[in-house]
Amino acid sequence: MAAVTPQARMGNPAFVVPDAMVALQALGKAVQQGGVPAKTLELINLRASQINGCGVCAVQHPRIAKKLGETDERLYAVTACRDAPYFDDAERAALALTEAVTRLSDQADPVPDGIWEEATRHYDEQALGVLLMAIASINVWNRLNVATRQVAGQEW
């Protein structure tokens, strides 16, 4: 059986809609300058992308993380961060928050107090804002990519 080359349904909306990329890049810049470690932000990006089934981001963000010095062991274990010995408590809290915010409709109490309180133990209000904006941002990218079937590994 011959392999089928996947094709996107359309161009990425971030490039199709005038000024959308500028807005998304501005949000990304604010997140990157917000004081949360870059490796933590890439772990957030990877975890949300795994949950959302976004191949583009699931390929792209480990590459970025590796350029930042991230290890293969941590990237492989991000889906099991609660049990893997590679993550500190702050990273676990950020990843738990990522999972809860990404899966808002999966629970009656989408972001339980326990998850929120654990995040507040490790992050001040500005850092929490950065985490939430980072989670929202990657979820936007995931939804754009998944809905339009953007192809992992292709340059835009």
Protein backbone atom coordinates (compact mmCIF):
# COMPACT_ATOMS: atom_id res chain seq x y z
CA MET A 1 0.00 0.00 0.00
CA ALA A 2 1.46 3.34 -1.04
CA ALA A 3 1.94 6.05 1.57
CA VAL A 4 -0.42 8.99 1.27
CA THR A 5 1.15 12.41 1.59
CA PRO A 6 -1.01 14.43 3.97
CA GLN A 7 -2.19 17.84 2.84
CA ALA A 8 -3.52 20.76 4.80
CA ARG A 9 -7.12 21.79 4.23
CA MET A 10 -6.03 25.40 3.79
CA GLY A 11 -3.20 27.72 4.68
CA ASN A 12 -2.70 28.34 8.36
CA PRO A 13 -5.26 30.95 9.45
CA ALA A 14 -2.53 32.86 11.29
CA PHE A 15 -1.08 33.66 7.86
CA VAL A 16 -4.38 33.97 6.01
CA VAL A 17 -6.05 36.53 8.30
CA PRO A 18 -4.40 39.95 8.06
CA ASP A 19 -2.53 40.93 11.25
CA ALA A 20 -3.33 37.65 13.03
CA MET A 21 0.31 36.54 13.03
CA VAL A 22 1.39 39.91 14.40
CA ALA A 23 -1.04 39.50 17.31
CA LEU A 24 0.00 35.91 18.01
CA GLN A 25 3.68 36.83 17.86
CA ALA A 26 3.11 39.72 20.26
CA LEU A 27 1.45 37.34 22.71
CA GLY A 28 4.32 34.89 22.29
CA LYS A 29 6.87 37.62 22.97
CA ALA A 30 5.06 38.73 26.13
CA VAL A 31 4.99 35.13 27.37
CA GLN A 32 8.69 34.60 26.62
CA GLN A 33 9.62 37.77 28.50
CA GLY A 34 7.38 37.04 31.50
CA GLY A 35 9.95 35.38 33.74
CA VAL A 36 8.92 31.71 33.49
CA PRO A 37 11.86 29.51 32.42
CA ALA A 38 11.92 28.87 28.67
CA LYS A 39 12.24 25.11 29.24
CA THR A 40 9.07 25.13 31.33
CA LEU A 41 7.23 26.99 28.60
CA GLU A 42 8.33 24.41 26.03
CA LEU A 43 7.18 21.56 28.29
CA ILE A 44 3.80 23.31 28.51
CA ASN A 45 3.71 23.64 24.72
CA LEU A 46 4.55 19.98 24.25
CA ARG A 47 2.03 18.70 26.81
CA ALA A 48 -0.90 20.73 25.50
CA SER A 49 -0.01 19.72 21.95
CA GLN A 50 0.02 16.04 22.91
CA ILE A 51 -3.40 16.37 24.52
CA ASN A 52 -4.80 18.21 21.50
CA GLY A 53 -3.22 15.88 18.95
CA CYS A 54 -1.35 18.67 17.18
CA GLY A 55 1.37 17.01 15.15
CA VAL A 56 2.91 20.31 14.04
CA CYS A 57 3.48 21.46 17.61
CA ALA A 58 4.31 17.99 18.97
CA VAL A 59 7.20 17.92 16.48
CA GLN A 60 8.23 21.57 16.72
CA HIS A 61 8.34 22.13 20.49
CA PRO A 62 10.66 19.24 21.41
CA ARG A 63 13.08 20.59 18.79
CA ILE A 64 12.93 24.03 20.39
CA ALA A 65 13.29 22.51 23.86
CA LYS A 66 16.35 20.53 22.81
CA LYS A 67 17.97 23.73 21.53
CA LEU A 68 17.40 25.13 25.04
CA GLY A 69 19.24 22.14 26.51
CA GLU A 70 16.25 19.95 27.32
CA THR A 71 16.98 16.23 27.63
CA ASP A 72 15.40 13.37 25.73
CA GLU A 73 14.45 11.67 29.00
CA ARG A 74 12.35 14.64 30.11
CA LEU A 75 10.74 15.08 26.70
CA TYR A 76 9.83 11.40 26.53
CA ALA A 77 8.43 11.45 30.06
CA VAL A 78 6.38 14.66 29.92
CA THR A 79 3.14 12.67 29.56
CA ALA A 80 3.96 10.90 32.82
CA CYS A 81 5.51 13.84 34.66
CA ARG A 82 3.68 13.00 37.93
CA ASP A 83 5.61 9.76 38.23
CA ALA A 84 8.85 10.48 36.37
CA PRO A 85 11.83 11.57 38.47
CA TYR A 86 12.98 14.19 35.95
CA PHE A 87 10.70 17.08 36.92
CA ASP A 88 10.71 19.41 39.90
CA ASP A 89 7.57 20.37 41.80
CA ALA A 90 7.21 23.71 39.98
CA GLU A 91 7.34 22.00 36.58
CA ARG A 92 4.83 19.39 37.73
CA ALA A 93 2.51 22.16 38.91
CA ALA A 94 2.82 23.99 35.56
CA LEU A 95 2.13 20.78 33.64
CA ALA A 96 -0.88 19.90 35.83
CA LEU A 97 -2.24 23.40 35.23
CA THR A 98 -1.63 22.92 31.50
CA GLU A 99 -3.58 19.68 31.47
CA ALA A 100 -6.49 21.17 33.42
CA VAL A 101 -6.75 24.34 31.33
CA THR A 102 -6.38 22.41 28.08
CA ARG A 103 -9.13 19.95 29.10
CA LEU A 104 -11.67 22.46 30.40
CA SER A 105 -14.72 20.47 29.36
CA ASP A 106 -13.53 17.15 30.80
CA GLN A 107 -14.48 17.88 34.42
CA ALA A 108 -17.26 19.63 36.32
CA ASP A 109 -14.55 21.65 38.11
CA PRO A 110 -12.16 22.28 35.20
CA VAL A 111 -9.29 23.75 37.24
CA PRO A 112 -9.64 22.19 40.69
CA ASP A 113 -8.50 24.16 43.72
CA GLY A 114 -5.76 21.63 44.42
CA ILE A 115 -4.14 22.20 41.03
CA TRP A 116 -4.48 25.97 41.37
CA GLU A 117 -3.10 26.00 44.92
CA GLU A 118 -0.11 23.87 43.93
CA ALA A 119 0.64 26.29 41.09
CA THR A 120 0.45 29.26 43.49
CA ARG A 121 3.01 27.57 45.74
CA HIS A 122 5.58 27.85 42.96
CA TYR A 123 4.56 30.87 40.90
CA ASP A 124 3.64 34.43 41.83
CA GLU A 125 0.75 36.27 40.20
CA GLN A 126 2.76 37.48 37.19
CA ALA A 127 4.23 34.04 36.58
CA LEU A 128 0.76 32.48 36.90
CA GLY A 129 -0.45 34.99 34.33
CA VAL A 130 2.41 33.99 32.04
CA LEU A 131 1.58 30.30 32.49
CA LEU A 132 -2.08 30.89 31.66
CA MET A 133 -1.23 33.02 28.63
CA ALA A 134 1.26 30.38 27.45
CA ILE A 135 -1.36 27.64 27.83
CA ALA A 136 -3.95 29.74 26.01
CA SER A 137 -1.48 30.56 23.24
CA ILE A 138 -0.46 26.98 22.53
CA ASN A 139 -4.10 25.93 22.59
CA VAL A 140 -4.84 28.56 19.93
CA TRP A 141 -2.03 27.23 17.75
CA ASN A 142 -3.15 23.63 18.32
CA ARG A 143 -6.72 24.42 17.33
CA LEU A 144 -5.68 26.29 14.20
CA ASN A 145 -3.32 23.49 13.15
CA VAL A 146 -5.65 20.59 13.95
CA ALA A 147 -8.76 22.15 12.41
CA THR A 148 -6.94 22.88 9.15
CA ARG A 149 -4.88 19.67 9.23
CA GLN A 150 -1.54 21.42 9.02
CA VAL A 151 1.19 18.90 8.27
CA ALA A 152 3.96 18.29 10.79
CA GLY A 153 7.43 19.04 9.50
CA GLN A 154 6.37 21.34 6.69
CA GLU A 155 7.56 24.92 6.65
CA TRP A 156 4.83 27.53 6.48
